[in-house]
Protein backbone atom coordinates (compact mmCIF):
# COMPACT_ATOMS: atom_id res chain seq x y z
CA MET A 1 -16.14 286.68 29.07
CA CYS A 2 -15.91 286.36 32.82
CA ALA A 3 -12.48 285.47 34.18
CA GLN A 4 -14.09 283.07 36.67
CA VAL A 5 -15.01 279.88 34.79
CA ASP A 6 -16.29 276.72 36.47
CA ALA A 7 -17.76 273.33 35.65
CA THR A 8 -21.33 274.68 35.77
CA THR A 9 -20.57 277.00 32.83
CA PHE A 10 -19.24 274.46 30.32
CA LEU A 11 -19.61 270.83 29.30
CA SER A 12 -16.80 268.77 27.85
CA PHE A 13 -17.01 265.64 25.74
CA VAL A 14 -15.25 263.80 22.92
CA CYS A 15 -16.30 263.85 19.26
CA LYS A 16 -17.27 260.30 18.28
CA ALA A 17 -15.90 260.83 14.75
CA CYS A 18 -12.43 262.32 15.34
CA HIS A 19 -11.94 261.83 19.11
CA GLN A 20 -11.18 265.53 19.67
CA GLU A 21 -12.12 266.79 23.13
CA ILE A 22 -14.68 269.59 22.84
CA GLU A 23 -15.92 272.19 25.32
CA ALA A 24 -19.36 273.78 24.87
CA PRO A 25 -21.51 276.18 26.90
CA VAL A 26 -23.91 274.34 29.19
CA TRP A 27 -26.93 275.97 27.49
CA MET A 28 -26.06 273.98 24.32
CA ALA A 29 -26.86 270.66 26.03
CA LYS A 30 -28.98 268.35 23.84
CA ARG A 31 -28.44 270.58 20.79
CA GLU A 32 -26.74 269.60 17.57
CA ALA A 33 -23.59 271.36 16.46
CA GLU A 34 -20.72 270.83 14.09
CA CYS A 35 -17.46 269.46 15.49
CA PRO A 36 -14.98 272.34 15.24
CA ALA A 37 -12.19 269.85 14.45
CA CYS A 38 -13.66 267.54 11.79
CA GLY A 39 -17.05 269.04 10.86
CA ALA A 40 -19.08 265.97 11.87
CA MET A 41 -22.51 266.63 13.35
CA ILE A 42 -22.45 266.09 17.11
CA GLU A 43 -24.99 266.36 19.90
CA VAL A 44 -23.80 268.18 22.99
CA PRO A 45 -24.45 265.89 25.98
CA GLU A 46 -26.28 266.96 29.15
CA THR A 47 -23.27 266.20 31.34
CA SER A 48 -19.53 266.21 30.80
CA GLU A 49 -17.92 262.89 29.91
CA PRO A 50 -15.60 261.33 32.50
CA GLY A 51 -11.94 262.05 31.86
CA THR A 52 -12.56 265.33 30.00
CA VAL A 53 -11.67 268.80 31.26
CA TRP A 54 -15.05 269.33 33.00
CA GLY A 55 -15.93 265.66 33.50
CA ALA A 56 -15.33 263.56 36.57
CA ASN A 57 -11.75 262.42 36.88
CA GLU A 58 -11.66 258.72 36.15
CA ALA A 59 -9.86 258.15 39.45
CA ALA A 60 -12.59 260.21 41.21
CA LEU A 61 -9.92 262.66 42.36
CA GLN A 62 -9.93 266.41 41.89
CA PRO A 63 -7.34 267.26 39.20
CA THR A 64 -4.56 269.66 40.05
CA LYS A 65 -4.42 273.12 38.49
CA ALA A 66 -1.56 271.90 36.26
CA GLN A 67 -3.71 268.98 35.03
CA VAL A 68 -6.68 271.27 34.29
CA ASP A 69 -4.41 273.70 32.41
CA ALA A 70 -2.98 270.80 30.40
CA MET A 71 -6.47 269.50 29.56
CA LYS A 72 -7.64 272.97 28.53
CA SER A 73 -4.73 273.26 26.13
CA ARG A 74 -6.03 270.23 24.20
CA THR A 75 -9.71 271.19 24.24
CA ILE A 76 -11.54 273.10 21.51
CA ARG A 77 -14.43 275.32 22.62
CA ILE A 78 -17.50 275.79 20.44
CA GLU A 79 -17.88 279.51 19.87
CA LEU A 80 -21.04 281.01 18.42
CA SER A 81 -21.58 284.44 16.98
CA ASP A 82 -23.90 286.89 18.73
CA GLN A 83 -26.37 286.28 15.87
CA TRP A 84 -26.89 282.63 16.87
């Protein structure tokens, strides 16, 4: 995986069933997947939800590096095998 990761690479959103923040590759937008935390079926949104790691900051301010690192530590990324 490339060391340079930006908001155009991933989407972030919250599972409606368990409220876990989830990160998914942007190419998964509008596809169904299983929540990696609770197993509920979820649909990956087209844009990141506000207040999530890749979403717009609710205060419309750019988060600091420390804030992004803290958000990433509580986010689960959907990982797919090469056979997907």
